PDB file of N, CA and C in Angstrom:
ATOM      1  N   MET A   1      86.708  95.857 139.034  1.00  0.00           N
ATOM      2  CA  MET A   1      85.502  96.625 138.865  1.00  0.00           C
ATOM      3  C   MET A   1      84.642  96.047 137.751  1.00  0.00           C
ATOM      4  N   LYS A   2      85.197  95.257 136.854  1.00  0.00           N
ATOM      5  CA  LYS A   2      84.472  94.830 135.666  1.00  0.00           C
ATOM      6  C   LYS A   2      83.166  94.116 135.991  1.00  0.00           C
ATOM      7  N   ASN A   3      83.090  93.392 137.086  1.00  0.00           N
ATOM      8  CA  ASN A   3      81.900  92.618 137.396  1.00  0.00           C
ATOM      9  C   ASN A   3      80.901  93.399 138.236  1.00  0.00           C
ATOM     10  N   PHE A   4      81.339  94.397 138.939  1.00  0.00           N
ATOM     11  CA  PHE A   4      80.496  95.017 139.950  1.00  0.00           C
ATOM     12  C   PHE A   4      79.257  95.717 139.425  1.00  0.00           C
ATOM     13  N   PRO A   5      79.374  96.679 138.517  1.00  0.00           N
ATOM     14  CA  PRO A   5      78.171  97.368 138.086  1.00  0.00           C
ATOM     15  C   PRO A   5      77.148  96.437 137.449  1.00  0.00           C
ATOM     16  N   SER A   6      77.616  95.431 136.697  1.00  0.00           N
ATOM     17  CA  SER A   6      76.669  94.549 136.034  1.00  0.00           C
ATOM     18  C   SER A   6      75.941  93.663 137.040  1.00  0.00           C
ATOM     19  N   ASN A   7      76.504  93.430 138.187  1.00  0.00           N
ATOM     20  CA  ASN A   7      75.869  92.614 139.215  1.00  0.00           C
ATOM     21  C   ASN A   7      74.735  93.366 139.901  1.00  0.00           C
ATOM     22  N   THR A   8      74.881  94.636 140.171  1.00  0.00           N
ATOM     23  CA  THR A   8      73.936  95.374 140.999  1.00  0.00           C
ATOM     24  C   THR A   8      73.000  96.284 140.227  1.00  0.00           C
ATOM     25  N   GLY A   9      73.329  96.599 138.997  1.00  0.00           N
ATOM     26  CA  GLY A   9      72.545  97.590 138.268  1.00  0.00           C
ATOM     27  C   GLY A   9      72.824  98.989 138.785  1.00  0.00           C
ATOM     28  N   ALA A  10      73.958  99.176 139.412  1.00  0.00           N
ATOM     29  CA  ALA A  10      74.310 100.470 139.991  1.00  0.00           C
ATOM     30  C   ALA A  10      74.519 101.523 138.917  1.00  0.00           C
ATOM     31  N   GLN A  11      74.151 102.746 139.251  1.00  0.00           N
ATOM     32  CA  GLN A  11      74.465 103.874 138.390  1.00  0.00           C
ATOM     33  C   GLN A  11      75.954 104.164 138.559  1.00  0.00           C
ATOM     34  N   VAL A  12      76.552 104.742 137.540  1.00  0.00           N
ATOM     35  CA  VAL A  12      77.992 104.979 137.582  1.00  0.00           C
ATOM     36  C   VAL A  12      78.373 105.866 138.770  1.00  0.00           C
ATOM     37  N   GLN A  13      77.556 106.845 139.109  1.00  0.00           N
ATOM     38  CA  GLN A  13      77.875 107.702 140.254  1.00  0.00           C
ATOM     39  C   GLN A  13      77.797 106.918 141.557  1.00  0.00           C
ATOM     40  N   GLU A  14      76.888 105.956 141.646  1.00  0.00           N
ATOM     41  CA  GLU A  14      76.804 105.110 142.837  1.00  0.00           C
ATOM     42  C   GLU A  14      78.076 104.289 143.001  1.00  0.00           C
ATOM     43  N   VAL A  15      78.619 103.819 141.894  1.00  0.00           N
ATOM     44  CA  VAL A  15      79.865 103.054 141.927  1.00  0.00           C
ATOM     45  C   VAL A  15      81.021 103.964 142.333  1.00  0.00           C
ATOM     46  N   ALA A  16      81.062 105.151 141.764  1.00  0.00           N
ATOM     47  CA  ALA A  16      82.140 106.099 142.083  1.00  0.00           C
ATOM     48  C   ALA A  16      82.113 106.481 143.567  1.00  0.00           C
ATOM     49  N   ASP A  17      80.930 106.586 144.145  1.00  0.00           N
ATOM     50  CA  ASP A  17      80.795 107.007 145.546  1.00  0.00           C
ATOM     51  C   ASP A  17      80.893 105.857 146.545  1.00  0.00           C
ATOM     52  N   LEU A  18      81.022 104.644 146.073  1.00  0.00           N
ATOM     53  CA  LEU A  18      80.986 103.472 146.942  1.00  0.00           C
ATOM     54  C   LEU A  18      82.193 103.406 147.868  1.00  0.00           C
ATOM     55  N   GLY A  19      81.926 103.264 149.162  1.00  0.00           N
ATOM     56  CA  GLY A  19      82.983 103.084 150.156  1.00  0.00           C
ATOM     57  C   GLY A  19      82.948 101.665 150.707  1.00  0.00           C
ATOM     58  N   TRP A  20      84.039 101.253 151.319  1.00  0.00           N
ATOM     59  CA  TRP A  20      84.103  99.896 151.872  1.00  0.00           C
ATOM     60  C   TRP A  20      83.025  99.668 152.925  1.00  0.00           C
ATOM     61  N   LYS A  21      82.614 100.729 153.613  1.00  0.00           N
ATOM     62  CA  LYS A  21      81.599 100.592 154.663  1.00  0.00           C
ATOM     63  C   LYS A  21      80.230 100.216 154.087  1.00  0.00           C
ATOM     64  N   HIS A  22      80.046 100.355 152.791  1.00  0.00           N
ATOM     65  CA  HIS A  22      78.761 100.052 152.154  1.00  0.00           C
ATOM     66  C   HIS A  22      78.640  98.600 151.710  1.00  0.00           C
ATOM     67  N   LEU A  23      79.700  97.819 151.911  1.00  0.00           N
ATOM     68  CA  LEU A  23      79.728  96.429 151.442  1.00  0.00           C
ATOM     69  C   LEU A  23      79.593  95.454 152.601  1.00  0.00           C
ATOM     70  N   GLU A  24      78.808  94.416 152.385  1.00  0.00           N
ATOM     71  CA  GLU A  24      78.729  93.292 153.322  1.00  0.00           C
ATOM     72  C   GLU A  24      79.246  92.084 152.562  1.00  0.00           C
ATOM     73  N   LEU A  25      80.490  91.700 152.879  1.00  0.00           N
ATOM     74  CA  LEU A  25      81.165  90.641 152.133  1.00  0.00           C
ATOM     75  C   LEU A  25      81.169  89.313 152.873  1.00  0.00           C
ATOM     76  N   GLU A  26      80.499  89.240 153.993  1.00  0.00           N
ATOM     77  CA  GLU A  26      80.342  88.008 154.773  1.00  0.00           C
ATOM     78  C   GLU A  26      78.861  87.861 155.105  1.00  0.00           C
ATOM     79  N   GLY A  27      78.409  86.639 155.309  1.00  0.00           N
ATOM     80  CA  GLY A  27      77.007  86.414 155.664  1.00  0.00           C
ATOM     81  C   GLY A  27      76.094  86.740 154.501  1.00  0.00           C
ATOM     82  N   GLN A  28      75.208  87.695 154.709  1.00  0.00           N
ATOM     83  CA  GLN A  28      74.302  88.125 153.643  1.00  0.00           C
ATOM     84  C   GLN A  28      75.070  89.079 152.726  1.00  0.00           C
ATOM     85  N   LEU A  29      75.402  88.614 151.544  1.00  0.00           N
ATOM     86  CA  LEU A  29      76.255  89.366 150.621  1.00  0.00           C
ATOM     87  C   LEU A  29      75.430  90.455 149.950  1.00  0.00           C
ATOM     88  N   ARG A  30      75.768  91.711 150.250  1.00  0.00           N
ATOM     89  CA  ARG A  30      74.993  92.811 149.675  1.00  0.00           C
ATOM     90  C   ARG A  30      75.769  94.114 149.738  1.00  0.00           C
ATOM     91  N   VAL A  31      75.211  95.095 149.048  1.00  0.00           N
ATOM     92  CA  VAL A  31      75.810  96.425 148.982  1.00  0.00           C
ATOM     93  C   VAL A  31      74.715  97.450 149.203  1.00  0.00           C
ATOM     94  N   GLN A  32      75.072  98.528 149.882  1.00  0.00           N
ATOM     95  CA  GLN A  32      74.169  99.661 150.054  1.00  0.00           C
ATOM     96  C   GLN A  32      74.611 100.735 149.070  1.00  0.00           C
ATOM     97  N   LEU A  33      73.695 101.136 148.198  1.00  0.00           N
ATOM     98  CA  LEU A  33      74.002 102.128 147.173  1.00  0.00           C
ATOM     99  C   LEU A  33      73.256 103.421 147.456  1.00  0.00           C
ATOM    100  N   HIS A  34      73.978 104.529 147.332  1.00  0.00           N
ATOM    101  CA  HIS A  34      73.397 105.850 147.562  1.00  0.00           C
ATOM    102  C   HIS A  34      73.167 106.494 146.213  1.00  0.00           C
ATOM    103  N   GLY A  35      71.889 106.707 145.870  1.00  0.00           N
ATOM    104  CA  GLY A  35      71.575 107.180 144.540  1.00  0.00           C
ATOM    105  C   GLY A  35      70.898 108.526 144.490  1.00  0.00           C
ATOM    106  N   LYS A  36      70.244 108.760 143.361  1.00  0.00           N
ATOM    107  CA  LYS A  36      69.561 110.026 143.117  1.00  0.00           C
ATOM    108  C   LYS A  36      68.504 110.276 144.186  1.00  0.00           C
ATOM    109  N   GLY A  37      68.273 111.544 144.466  1.00  0.00           N
ATOM    110  CA  GLY A  37      67.255 111.913 145.442  1.00  0.00           C
ATOM    111  C   GLY A  37      67.648 111.552 146.859  1.00  0.00           C
ATOM    112  N   ASP A  38      68.946 111.356 147.100  1.00  0.00           N
ATOM    113  CA  ASP A  38      69.462 111.010 148.429  1.00  0.00           C
ATOM    114  C   ASP A  38      68.817 109.729 148.955  1.00  0.00           C
ATOM    115  N   LYS A  39      68.510 108.785 148.044  1.00  0.00           N
ATOM    116  CA  LYS A  39      67.893 107.512 148.429  1.00  0.00           C
ATOM    117  C   LYS A  39      68.951 106.423 148.515  1.00  0.00           C
ATOM    118  N   TRP A  40      68.786 105.558 149.498  1.00  0.00           N
ATOM    119  CA  TRP A  40      69.646 104.401 149.669  1.00  0.00           C
ATOM    120  C   TRP A  40      68.870 103.170 149.238  1.00  0.00           C
ATOM    121  N   ARG A  41      69.561 102.210 148.595  1.00  0.00           N
ATOM    122  CA  ARG A  41      68.944 100.930 148.275  1.00  0.00           C
ATOM    123  C   ARG A  41      69.955  99.826 148.525  1.00  0.00           C
ATOM    124  N   VAL A  42      69.432  98.651 148.792  1.00  0.00           N
ATOM    125  CA  VAL A  42      70.272  97.495 149.077  1.00  0.00           C
ATOM    126  C   VAL A  42      70.124  96.505 147.932  1.00  0.00           C
ATOM    127  N   CYS A  43      71.265  96.027 147.420  1.00  0.00           N
ATOM    128  CA  CYS A  43      71.258  95.049 146.332  1.00  0.00           C
ATOM    129  C   CYS A  43      72.085  93.834 146.744  1.00  0.00           C
ATOM    130  N   PRO A  44      71.646  92.654 146.341  1.00  0.00           N
ATOM    131  CA  PRO A  44      72.436  91.449 146.622  1.00  0.00           C
ATOM    132  C   PRO A  44      73.693  91.435 145.761  1.00  0.00           C
ATOM    133  N   LEU A  45      74.701  90.732 146.238  1.00  0.00           N
ATOM    134  CA  LEU A  45      75.934  90.552 145.470  1.00  0.00           C
ATOM    135  C   LEU A  45      76.120  89.079 145.155  1.00  0.00           C
ATOM    136  N   TRP A  46      76.590  88.799 143.955  1.00  0.00           N
ATOM    137  CA  TRP A  46      76.933  87.437 143.588  1.00  0.00           C
ATOM    138  C   TRP A  46      78.191  87.017 144.345  1.00  0.00           C
ATOM    139  N   LYS A  47      78.344  85.717 144.563  1.00  0.00           N
ATOM    140  CA  LYS A  47      79.551  85.191 145.217  1.00  0.00           C
ATOM    141  C   LYS A  47      80.794  85.550 144.400  1.00  0.00           C
ATOM    142  N   GLU A  48      80.664  85.508 143.073  1.00  0.00           N
ATOM    143  CA  GLU A  48      81.799  85.840 142.201  1.00  0.00           C
ATOM    144  C   GLU A  48      82.218  87.293 142.379  1.00  0.00           C
ATOM    145  N   THR A  49      81.228  88.184 142.540  1.00  0.00           N
ATOM    146  CA  THR A  49      81.522  89.602 142.743  1.00  0.00           C
ATOM    147  C   THR A  49      82.220  89.804 144.078  1.00  0.00           C
ATOM    148  N   VAL A  50      81.741  89.102 145.101  1.00  0.00           N
ATOM    149  CA  VAL A  50      82.352  89.211 146.431  1.00  0.00           C
ATOM    150  C   VAL A  50      83.793  88.715 146.384  1.00  0.00           C
ATOM    151  N   ALA A  51      84.048  87.635 145.660  1.00  0.00           N
ATOM    152  CA  ALA A  51      85.424  87.124 145.538  1.00  0.00           C
ATOM    153  C   ALA A  51      86.331  88.174 144.900  1.00  0.00           C
ATOM    154  N   LEU A  52      85.841  88.863 143.863  1.00  0.00           N
ATOM    155  CA  LEU A  52      86.636  89.915 143.220  1.00  0.00           C
ATOM    156  C   LEU A  52      86.851  91.095 144.166  1.00  0.00           C
ATOM    157  N   LEU A  53      85.810  91.458 144.918  1.00  0.00           N
ATOM    158  CA  LEU A  53      85.950  92.565 145.868  1.00  0.00           C
ATOM    159  C   LEU A  53      86.929  92.217 146.982  1.00  0.00           C
ATOM    160  N   LYS A  54      86.912  90.960 147.439  1.00  0.00           N
ATOM    161  CA  LYS A  54      87.869  90.535 148.473  1.00  0.00           C
ATOM    162  C   LYS A  54      89.288  90.556 147.932  1.00  0.00           C
ATOM    163  N   GLN A  55      89.439  90.198 146.665  1.00  0.00           N
ATOM    164  CA  GLN A  55      90.757  90.276 146.029  1.00  0.00           C
ATOM    165  C   GLN A  55      91.217  91.732 145.977  1.00  0.00           C
ATOM    166  N   LEU A  56      90.320  92.615 145.601  1.00  0.00           N
ATOM    167  CA  LEU A  56      90.624  94.042 145.555  1.00  0.00           C
ATOM    168  C   LEU A  56      90.973  94.557 146.947  1.00  0.00           C
ATOM    169  N   GLU A  57      90.225  94.092 147.934  1.00  0.00           N
ATOM    170  CA  GLU A  57      90.472  94.477 149.323  1.00  0.00           C
ATOM    171  C   GLU A  57      91.860  94.012 149.768  1.00  0.00           C
ATOM    172  N   GLY A  58      92.239  92.800 149.350  1.00  0.00           N
ATOM    173  CA  GLY A  58      93.558  92.270 149.690  1.00  0.00           C
ATOM    174  C   GLY A  58      94.682  93.022 149.022  1.00  0.00           C
ATOM    175  N   ASP A  59      94.425  93.575 147.835  1.00  0.00           N
ATOM    176  CA  ASP A  59      95.431  94.332 147.096  1.00  0.00           C
ATOM    177  C   ASP A  59      95.597  95.752 147.632  1.00  0.00           C
ATOM    178  N   ALA A  60      94.600  96.229 148.373  1.00  0.00           N
ATOM    179  CA  ALA A  60      94.639  97.613 148.872  1.00  0.00           C
ATOM    180  C   ALA A  60      95.695  97.747 149.957  1.00  0.00           C
ATOM    181  N   LYS A  61      96.335  98.906 149.982  1.00  0.00           N
ATOM    182  CA  LYS A  61      97.371  99.158 150.988  1.00  0.00           C
ATOM    183  C   LYS A  61      96.769  99.256 152.382  1.00  0.00           C
ATOM    184  N   GLU A  62      95.642  99.906 152.495  1.00  0.00           N
ATOM    185  CA  GLU A  62      94.947 100.000 153.777  1.00  0.00           C
ATOM    186  C   GLU A  62      93.455 100.064 153.505  1.00  0.00           C
ATOM    187  N   ILE A  63      92.696  99.410 154.352  1.00  0.00           N
ATOM    188  CA  ILE A  63      91.247  99.446 154.184  1.00  0.00           C
ATOM    189  C   ILE A  63      90.663 100.280 155.308  1.00  0.00           C
ATOM    190  N   ASN A  64      90.305 101.473 154.942  1.00  0.00           N
ATOM    191  CA  ASN A  64      89.597 102.385 155.827  1.00  0.00           C
ATOM    192  C   ASN A  64      88.135 102.295 155.394  1.00  0.00           C
ATOM    193  N   PRO A  65      87.199 102.060 156.311  1.00  0.00           N
ATOM    194  CA  PRO A  65      85.794 101.934 155.909  1.00  0.00           C
ATOM    195  C   PRO A  65      85.287 103.140 155.115  1.00  0.00           C
ATOM    196  N   GLU A  66      85.876 104.305 155.330  1.00  0.00           N
ATOM    197  CA  GLU A  66      85.450 105.523 154.631  1.00  0.00           C
ATOM    198  C   GLU A  66      86.069 105.636 153.236  1.00  0.00           C
ATOM    199  N   ARG A  67      87.090 104.831 152.970  1.00  0.00           N
ATOM    200  CA  ARG A  67      87.834 104.907 151.704  1.00  0.00           C
ATOM    201  C   ARG A  67      86.985 104.388 150.550  1.00  0.00           C
ATOM    202  N   ALA A  68      87.162 104.974 149.378  1.00  0.00           N
ATOM    203  CA  ALA A  68      86.475 104.532 148.166  1.00  0.00           C
ATOM    204  C   ALA A  68      86.946 103.135 147.788  1.00  0.00           C
ATOM    205  N   VAL A  69      86.044 102.339 147.271  1.00  0.00           N
ATOM    206  CA  VAL A  69      86.378 100.979 146.844  1.00  0.00           C
ATOM    207  C   VAL A  69      87.207 101.017 145.568  1.00  0.00           C
ATOM    208  N   PHE A  70      86.798 101.863 144.625  1.00  0.00           N
ATOM    209  CA  PHE A  70      87.464 101.914 143.326  1.00  0.00           C
ATOM    210  C   PHE A  70      88.292 103.179 143.228  1.00  0.00           C
ATOM    211  N   THR A  71      89.604 102.983 143.151  1.00  0.00           N
ATOM    212  CA  THR A  71      90.529 104.113 143.157  1.00  0.00           C
ATOM    213  C   THR A  71      91.491 104.039 141.972  1.00  0.00           C
ATOM    214  N   SER A  72      92.104 105.176 141.706  1.00  0.00           N
ATOM    215  CA  SER A  72      93.125 105.251 140.659  1.00  0.00           C
ATOM    216  C   SER A  72      94.423 104.653 141.188  1.00  0.00           C
ATOM    217  N   LEU A  73      95.416 104.579 140.329  1.00  0.00           N
ATOM    218  CA  LEU A  73      96.730 104.090 140.755  1.00  0.00           C
ATOM    219  C   LEU A  73      97.339 104.970 141.845  1.00  0.00           C
ATOM    220  N   GLN A  74      96.926 106.240 141.857  1.00  0.00           N
ATOM    221  CA  GLN A  74      97.426 107.179 142.870  1.00  0.00           C
ATOM    222  C   GLN A  74      96.617 107.100 144.169  1.00  0.00           C
ATOM    223  N   GLY A  75      95.595 106.231 144.210  1.00  0.00           N
ATOM    224  CA  GLY A  75      94.803 106.069 145.414  1.00  0.00           C
ATOM    225  C   GLY A  75      93.634 107.035 145.546  1.00  0.00           C
ATOM    226  N   GLN A  76      93.390 107.826 144.504  1.00  0.00           N
ATOM    227  CA  GLN A  76      92.269 108.761 144.524  1.00  0.00           C
ATOM    228  C   GLN A  76      90.999 108.044 144.057  1.00  0.00           C
ATOM    229  N   PRO A  77      89.832 108.407 144.599  1.00  0.00           N
ATOM    230  CA  PRO A  77      88.592 107.774 144.140  1.00  0.00           C
ATOM    231  C   PRO A  77      88.378 108.014 142.647  1.00  0.00           C
ATOM    232  N   LEU A  78      87.919 106.979 141.941  1.00  0.00           N
ATOM    233  CA  LEU A  78      87.606 107.147 140.533  1.00  0.00           C
ATOM    234  C   LEU A  78      86.385 108.043 140.386  1.00  0.00           C
ATOM    235  N   THR A  79      86.386 108.848 139.352  1.00  0.00           N
ATOM    236  CA  THR A  79      85.246 109.705 139.046  1.00  0.00           C
ATOM    237  C   THR A  79      84.373 108.994 138.010  1.00  0.00           C
ATOM    238  N   ARG A  80      83.215 109.565 137.736  1.00  0.00           N
ATOM    239  CA  ARG A  80      82.348 109.017 136.684  1.00  0.00           C
ATOM    240  C   ARG A  80      83.107 108.962 135.365  1.00  0.00           C
ATOM    241  N   PHE A  81      83.848 110.022 135.066  1.00  0.00           N
ATOM    242  CA  PHE A  81      84.585 110.070 133.805  1.00  0.00           C
ATOM    243  C   PHE A  81      85.699 109.022 133.782  1.00  0.00           C
ATOM    244  N   GLY A  82      86.367 108.829 134.900  1.00  0.00           N
ATOM    245  CA  GLY A  82      87.416 107.809 134.979  1.00  0.00           C
ATOM    246  C   GLY A  82      86.864 106.413 134.735  1.00  0.00           C
ATOM    247  N   ILE A  83      85.692 106.135 135.303  1.00  0.00           N
ATOM    248  CA  ILE A  83      85.047 104.839 135.095  1.00  0.00           C
ATOM    249  C   ILE A  83      84.640 104.698 133.630  1.00  0.00           C
ATOM    250  N   TYR A  84      84.115 105.764 133.057  1.00  0.00           N
ATOM    251  CA  TYR A  84      83.722 105.763 131.644  1.00  0.00           C
ATOM    252  C   TYR A  84      84.921 105.417 130.754  1.00  0.00           C
ATOM    253  N   LYS A  85      86.076 106.032 131.023  1.00  0.00           N
ATOM    254  CA  LYS A  85      87.274 105.777 130.218  1.00  0.00           C
ATOM    255  C   LYS A  85      87.709 104.316 130.326  1.00  0.00           C
ATOM    256  N   ILE A  86      87.627 103.749 131.513  1.00  0.00           N
ATOM    257  CA  ILE A  86      88.008 102.341 131.711  1.00  0.00           C
ATOM    258  C   ILE A  86      87.078 101.430 130.915  1.00  0.00           C
ATOM    259  N   VAL A  87      85.781 101.692 130.992  1.00  0.00           N
ATOM    260  CA  VAL A  87      84.807 100.873 130.256  1.00  0.00           C
ATOM    261  C   VAL A  87      85.055 100.984 128.755  1.00  0.00           C
ATOM    262  N   CYS A  88      85.280 102.187 128.250  1.00  0.00           N
ATOM    263  CA  CYS A  88      85.557 102.374 126.819  1.00  0.00           C
ATOM    264  C   CYS A  88      86.788 101.586 126.388  1.00  0.00           C
ATOM    265  N   ARG A  89      87.826 101.658 127.179  1.00  0.00           N
ATOM    266  CA  ARG A  89      89.080 100.965 126.845  1.00  0.00           C
ATOM    267  C   ARG A  89      88.876  99.451 126.778  1.00  0.00           C
ATOM    268  N   HIS A  90      88.106  98.912 127.720  1.00  0.00           N
ATOM    269  CA  HIS A  90      87.948  97.456 127.789  1.00  0.00           C
ATOM    270  C   HIS A  90      86.858  96.914 126.878  1.00  0.00           C
ATOM    271  N   THR A  91      85.945  97.741 126.430  1.00  0.00           N
ATOM    272  CA  THR A  91      84.887  97.246 125.542  1.00  0.00           C
ATOM    273  C   THR A  91      85.232  97.451 124.071  1.00  0.00           C
ATOM    274  N   ARG A  92      86.234  98.247 123.783  1.00  0.00           N
ATOM    275  CA  ARG A  92      86.641  98.492 122.397  1.00  0.00           C
ATOM    276  C   ARG A  92      86.943  97.181 121.672  1.00  0.00           C
ATOM    277  N   SER A  93      87.549  96.240 122.375  1.00  0.00           N
ATOM    278  CA  SER A  93      87.936  94.975 121.746  1.00  0.00           C
ATOM    279  C   SER A  93      86.730  94.063 121.487  1.00  0.00           C
ATOM    280  N   LEU A  94      85.576  94.385 122.038  1.00  0.00           N
ATOM    281  CA  LEU A  94      84.380  93.571 121.807  1.00  0.00           C
ATOM    282  C   LEU A  94      83.781  93.804 120.425  1.00  0.00           C
ATOM    283  N   LEU A  95      84.072  94.937 119.838  1.00  0.00           N
ATOM    284  CA  LEU A  95      83.530  95.266 118.519  1.00  0.00           C
ATOM    285  C   LEU A  95      84.397  94.638 117.435  1.00  0.00           C
ATOM    286  N   LYS A  96      83.749  93.970 116.504  1.00  0.00           N
ATOM    287  CA  LYS A  96      84.476  93.334 115.401  1.00  0.00           C
ATOM    288  C   LYS A  96      84.844  94.395 114.367  1.00  0.00           C
ATOM    289  N   PRO A  97      85.996  94.240 113.708  1.00  0.00           N
ATOM    290  CA  PRO A  97      86.480  95.257 112.769  1.00  0.00           C
ATOM    291  C   PRO A  97      85.506  95.608 111.648  1.00  0.00           C
ATOM    292  N   ASN A  98      84.764  94.639 111.115  1.00  0.00           N
ATOM    293  CA  ASN A  98      83.883  94.933 109.991  1.00  0.00           C
ATOM    294  C   ASN A  98      82.442  95.223 110.427  1.00  0.00           C
ATOM    295  N   GLU A  99      82.185  95.316 111.715  1.00  0.00           N
ATOM    296  CA  GLU A  99      80.860  95.662 112.224  1.00  0.00           C
ATOM    297  C   GLU A  99      80.683  97.173 112.248  1.00  0.00           C
ATOM    298  N   PRO A 100      79.444  97.630 112.084  1.00  0.00           N
ATOM    299  CA  PRO A 100      79.219  99.068 112.267  1.00  0.00           C
ATOM    300  C   PRO A 100      79.578  99.462 113.699  1.00  0.00           C
ATOM    301  N   ARG A 101      80.111 100.612 113.849  1.00  0.00           N
ATOM    302  CA  ARG A 101      80.547 101.068 115.166  1.00  0.00           C
ATOM    303  C   ARG A 101      79.333 101.306 116.066  1.00  0.00           C
ATOM    304  N   ARG A 102      79.317 100.656 117.211  1.00  0.00           N
ATOM    305  CA  ARG A 102      78.247 100.843 118.185  1.00  0.00           C
ATOM    306  C   ARG A 102      78.856 101.373 119.466  1.00  0.00           C
ATOM    307  N   ARG A 103      78.110 102.190 120.104  1.00  0.00           N
ATOM    308  CA  ARG A 103      78.571 102.755 121.368  1.00  0.00           C
ATOM    309  C   ARG A 103      78.122 101.840 122.499  1.00  0.00           C
ATOM    310  N   ILE A 104      79.067 101.361 123.286  1.00  0.00           N
ATOM    311  CA  ILE A 104      78.755 100.557 124.461  1.00  0.00           C
ATOM    312  C   ILE A 104      78.810 101.505 125.653  1.00  0.00           C
ATOM    313  N   SER A 105      77.652 101.725 126.245  1.00  0.00           N
ATOM    314  CA  SER A 105      77.584 102.712 127.328  1.00  0.00           C
ATOM    315  C   SER A 105      77.474 102.034 128.686  1.00  0.00           C
ATOM    316  N   LEU A 106      77.784 102.799 129.712  1.00  0.00           N
ATOM    317  CA  LEU A 106      77.622 102.314 131.077  1.00  0.00           C
ATOM    318  C   LEU A 106      76.155 102.024 131.365  1.00  0.00           C
ATOM    319  N   HIS A 107      75.279 102.826 130.779  1.00  0.00           N
ATOM    320  CA  HIS A 107      73.855 102.626 131.016  1.00  0.00           C
ATOM    321  C   HIS A 107      73.369 101.294 130.437  1.00  0.00           C
ATOM    322  N   MET A 108      74.009 100.808 129.375  1.00  0.00           N
ATOM    323  CA  MET A 108      73.644  99.500 128.823  1.00  0.00           C
ATOM    324  C   MET A 108      73.875  98.403 129.855  1.00  0.00           C
ATOM    325  N   PHE A 109      74.980  98.482 130.591  1.00  0.00           N
ATOM    326  CA  PHE A 109      75.257  97.496 131.642  1.00  0.00           C
ATOM    327  C   PHE A 109      74.194  97.570 132.736  1.00  0.00           C
ATOM    328  N   ARG A 110      73.845  98.793 133.108  1.00  0.00           N
ATOM    329  CA  ARG A 110      72.849  99.007 134.160  1.00  0.00           C
ATOM    330  C   ARG A 110      71.499  98.438 133.727  1.00  0.00           C
ATOM    331  N   HIS A 111      71.080  98.761 132.518  1.00  0.00           N
ATOM    332  CA  HIS A 111      69.784  98.307 132.025  1.00  0.00           C
ATOM    333  C   HIS A 111      69.737  96.780 131.937  1.00  0.00           C
ATOM    334  N   THR A 112      70.769  96.182 131.377  1.00  0.00           N
ATOM    335  CA  THR A 112      70.824  94.725 131.249  1.00  0.00           C
ATOM    336  C   THR A 112      70.753  94.063 132.612  1.00  0.00           C
ATOM    337  N   SER A 113      71.486  94.593 133.563  1.00  0.00           N
ATOM    338  CA  SER A 113      71.475  94.046 134.917  1.00  0.00           C
ATOM    339  C   SER A 113      70.104  94.171 135.556  1.00  0.00           C
ATOM    340  N   ALA A 114      69.481  95.324 135.399  1.00  0.00           N
ATOM    341  CA  ALA A 114      68.158  95.542 135.993  1.00  0.00           C
ATOM    342  C   ALA A 114      67.151  94.543 135.437  1.00  0.00           C
ATOM    343  N   VAL A 115      67.201  94.295 134.139  1.00  0.00           N
ATOM    344  CA  VAL A 115      66.292  93.330 133.517  1.00  0.00           C
ATOM    345  C   VAL A 115      66.540  91.934 134.079  1.00  0.00           C
ATOM    346  N   HIS A 116      67.809  91.527 134.185  1.00  0.00           N
ATOM    347  CA  HIS A 116      68.140  90.197 134.721  1.00  0.00           C
ATOM    348  C   HIS A 116      67.690  90.062 136.177  1.00  0.00           C
ATOM    349  N   LEU A 117      67.890  91.111 136.971  1.00  0.00           N
ATOM    350  CA  LEU A 117      67.467  91.061 138.377  1.00  0.00           C
ATOM    351  C   LEU A 117      65.948  90.929 138.477  1.00  0.00           C
ATOM    352  N   LEU A 118      65.229  91.685 137.663  1.00  0.00           N
ATOM    353  CA  LEU A 118      63.762  91.591 137.676  1.00  0.00           C
ATOM    354  C   LEU A 118      63.295  90.207 137.232  1.00  0.00           C
ATOM    355  N   GLU A 119      63.924  89.664 136.185  1.00  0.00           N
ATOM    356  CA  GLU A 119      63.561  88.333 135.704  1.00  0.00           C
ATOM    357  C   GLU A 119      63.825  87.262 136.754  1.00  0.00           C
ATOM    358  N   ALA A 120      64.842  87.498 137.593  1.00  0.00           N
ATOM    359  CA  ALA A 120      65.185  86.545 138.648  1.00  0.00           C
ATOM    360  C   ALA A 120      64.318  86.748 139.901  1.00  0.00           C
ATOM    361  N   GLY A 121      63.460  87.751 139.877  1.00  0.00           N
ATOM    362  CA  GLY A 121      62.563  87.982 141.013  1.00  0.00           C
ATOM    363  C   GLY A 121      63.185  88.774 142.151  1.00  0.00           C
ATOM    364  N   VAL A 122      64.313  89.415 141.891  1.00  0.00           N
ATOM    365  CA  VAL A 122      64.970  90.222 142.923  1.00  0.00           C
ATOM    366  C   VAL A 122      64.346  91.602 142.930  1.00  0.00           C
ATOM    367  N   GLU A 123      63.839  91.998 144.079  1.00  0.00           N
ATOM    368  CA  GLU A 123      63.258  93.331 144.214  1.00  0.00           C
ATOM    369  C   GLU A 123      64.228  94.211 144.971  1.00  0.00           C
ATOM    370  N   GLU A 124      64.280  95.483 144.579  1.00  0.00           N
ATOM    371  CA  GLU A 124      65.134  96.434 145.297  1.00  0.00           C
ATOM    372  C   GLU A 124      64.567  96.664 146.673  1.00  0.00           C
ATOM    373  N   GLN A 125      65.475  96.815 147.642  1.00  0.00           N
ATOM    374  CA  GLN A 125      65.075  97.156 148.993  1.00  0.00           C
ATOM    375  C   GLN A 125      65.559  98.565 149.265  1.00  0.00           C
ATOM    376  N   GLU A 126      64.622  99.484 149.450  1.00  0.00           N
ATOM    377  CA  GLU A 126      65.009 100.868 149.724  1.00  0.00           C
ATOM    378  C   GLU A 126      65.212 101.060 151.211  1.00  0.00           C
ATOM    379  N   GLN A 127      66.126 101.937 151.537  1.00  0.00           N
ATOM    380  CA  GLN A 127      66.368 102.315 152.927  1.00  0.00           C
ATOM    381  C   GLN A 127      66.153 103.792 153.052  1.00  0.00           C
ATOM    382  N   GLU A 128      65.725 104.227 154.195  1.00  0.00           N
ATOM    383  CA  GLU A 128      65.546 105.660 154.458  1.00  0.00           C
ATOM    384  C   GLU A 128      66.849 106.247 154.912  1.00  0.00           C
TER     385      GLU A 128
END
């Protein structure tokens, strides 16, 4: 999961709600994200992200298109809070001991990704 949100600029709830049926991992690499206001948008995926998703797919016991992509060890879909806890755990080591404590939020990843996508000329494609 570490690469996924930063690739698409997805909101944490969009990541939590993501099912395998929303991913195109062959041909045109992209994801369909369901966001606020019941709006769908399509975002491109990096080859590196697709490789990680295929690895995750290979590790899964069964791939049901309706099944959540990101699940707990018990196979339950991760919640927003579960994703938040994972990010906190893995970003804690990025802060140096003598630095002032800064909060690394999920929204920081989203914002950074959105800026990079805009700078690269990638426009969001909305779907009805």
